[in-house]
């Protein structure tokens, strides 16, 4: 049993982090597009 078999990458944690980051980007993008459609930036 070598080091690679002993310590495996936490796949579930990485998947949750990717989903969380995508969710944050989607929510901020939605808020930004809402602001643009209402003309707040002008």
N, C-alpha and C. Protein backbone atom coordinates (compact mmCIF):
# COMPACT_ATOMS: atom_id res chain seq x y z
N UNK A 1 0.85 -1.19 0.00
CA UNK A 1 0.00 0.00 0.00
C UNK A 1 0.89 1.25 0.00
N UNK A 2 0.86 1.97 -1.11
CA UNK A 2 1.71 3.16 -1.20
C UNK A 2 0.94 4.40 -0.75
N UNK A 3 1.56 5.58 -0.89
CA UNK A 3 0.98 6.82 -0.40
C UNK A 3 -0.29 7.20 -1.16
N UNK A 4 -0.34 6.91 -2.48
CA UNK A 4 -1.52 7.28 -3.27
C UNK A 4 -2.75 6.49 -2.82
N UNK A 5 -2.58 5.24 -2.46
CA UNK A 5 -3.72 4.45 -2.00
C UNK A 5 -4.14 4.87 -0.59
N UNK A 6 -3.20 5.37 0.18
CA UNK A 6 -3.49 5.72 1.58
C UNK A 6 -4.31 7.00 1.68
N UNK A 7 -3.96 8.02 0.88
CA UNK A 7 -4.65 9.31 0.94
C UNK A 7 -5.31 9.59 -0.41
N UNK A 8 -6.63 9.44 -0.46
CA UNK A 8 -7.37 9.72 -1.69
C UNK A 8 -7.92 11.14 -1.65
N UNK A 9 -8.10 11.71 -2.84
CA UNK A 9 -8.66 13.06 -2.93
C UNK A 9 -10.11 13.04 -2.50
N UNK A 10 -10.51 14.00 -1.65
CA UNK A 10 -11.91 14.05 -1.21
C UNK A 10 -12.83 14.53 -2.33
N UNK A 11 -13.34 13.59 -3.12
CA UNK A 11 -14.12 13.94 -4.31
C UNK A 11 -15.42 14.66 -3.95
N UNK A 12 -16.07 14.25 -2.89
CA UNK A 12 -17.33 14.88 -2.51
C UNK A 12 -17.15 16.34 -2.13
N UNK A 13 -16.08 16.63 -1.41
CA UNK A 13 -15.82 18.02 -1.00
C UNK A 13 -15.54 18.89 -2.22
N UNK A 14 -14.77 18.37 -3.16
CA UNK A 14 -14.46 19.14 -4.38
C UNK A 14 -15.75 19.38 -5.17
N UNK A 15 -16.60 18.38 -5.27
CA UNK A 15 -17.86 18.54 -6.01
C UNK A 15 -18.74 19.59 -5.34
N UNK A 16 -18.84 19.56 -4.01
CA UNK A 16 -19.64 20.55 -3.30
C UNK A 16 -19.09 21.96 -3.49
N UNK A 17 -17.77 22.10 -3.46
CA UNK A 17 -17.17 23.41 -3.67
C UNK A 17 -17.45 23.94 -5.07
N UNK A 18 -17.35 23.08 -6.08
CA UNK A 18 -17.62 23.50 -7.46
C UNK A 18 -19.08 23.92 -7.60
N UNK A 19 -20.00 23.14 -7.03
CA UNK A 19 -21.42 23.49 -7.09
C UNK A 19 -21.67 24.81 -6.38
N UNK A 20 -21.04 25.01 -5.23
CA UNK A 20 -21.21 26.25 -4.47
C UNK A 20 -20.70 27.45 -5.26
N UNK A 21 -19.54 27.32 -5.88
CA UNK A 21 -18.96 28.43 -6.65
C UNK A 21 -19.84 28.76 -7.86
N UNK A 22 -20.33 27.73 -8.55
CA UNK A 22 -21.22 27.96 -9.69
C UNK A 22 -22.51 28.65 -9.24
N UNK A 23 -23.04 28.25 -8.08
CA UNK A 23 -24.25 28.86 -7.55
C UNK A 23 -24.02 30.33 -7.22
N UNK A 24 -22.90 30.65 -6.60
CA UNK A 24 -22.58 32.04 -6.27
C UNK A 24 -22.46 32.88 -7.54
N UNK A 25 -21.76 32.36 -8.55
CA UNK A 25 -21.60 33.09 -9.82
C UNK A 25 -22.96 33.31 -10.47
N UNK A 26 -23.82 32.29 -10.45
CA UNK A 26 -25.14 32.42 -11.06
C UNK A 26 -25.99 33.46 -10.34
N UNK A 27 -25.95 33.47 -9.01
CA UNK A 27 -26.75 34.44 -8.25
C UNK A 27 -26.26 35.86 -8.47
N UNK A 28 -24.93 36.07 -8.45
CA UNK A 28 -24.40 37.40 -8.70
C UNK A 28 -24.68 37.85 -10.13
N UNK A 29 -24.58 36.93 -11.07
CA UNK A 29 -24.89 37.26 -12.47
C UNK A 29 -26.34 37.66 -12.64
N UNK A 30 -27.23 36.97 -11.95
CA UNK A 30 -28.65 37.30 -12.02
C UNK A 30 -28.90 38.69 -11.44
N UNK A 31 -28.28 38.99 -10.32
CA UNK A 31 -28.44 40.32 -9.71
C UNK A 31 -27.88 41.40 -10.62
N UNK A 32 -26.74 41.14 -11.26
CA UNK A 32 -26.13 42.11 -12.15
C UNK A 32 -27.01 42.37 -13.38
N UNK A 33 -27.54 41.30 -13.96
CA UNK A 33 -28.40 41.46 -15.13
C UNK A 33 -29.70 42.18 -14.76
N UNK A 34 -30.21 41.93 -13.57
CA UNK A 34 -31.40 42.65 -13.10
C UNK A 34 -31.11 44.15 -12.98
N UNK A 35 -29.93 44.47 -12.44
CA UNK A 35 -29.55 45.88 -12.33
C UNK A 35 -29.41 46.52 -13.72
N UNK A 36 -28.81 45.81 -14.65
CA UNK A 36 -28.65 46.35 -15.99
C UNK A 36 -30.01 46.58 -16.66
N UNK A 37 -30.93 45.64 -16.48
CA UNK A 37 -32.23 45.78 -17.12
C UNK A 37 -33.04 46.94 -16.54
N UNK A 38 -32.79 47.28 -15.28
CA UNK A 38 -33.50 48.39 -14.65
C UNK A 38 -32.79 49.73 -14.89
N UNK A 39 -31.62 49.71 -15.50
CA UNK A 39 -30.92 50.94 -15.83
C UNK A 39 -30.24 51.58 -14.63
N UNK A 40 -29.84 50.81 -13.64
CA UNK A 40 -29.23 51.36 -12.43
C UNK A 40 -27.84 51.91 -12.72
N UNK A 41 -27.15 51.35 -13.72
CA UNK A 41 -25.76 51.74 -13.96
C UNK A 41 -25.63 53.02 -14.75
N UNK A 42 -26.73 53.58 -15.23
CA UNK A 42 -26.64 54.80 -16.02
C UNK A 42 -26.67 56.04 -15.16
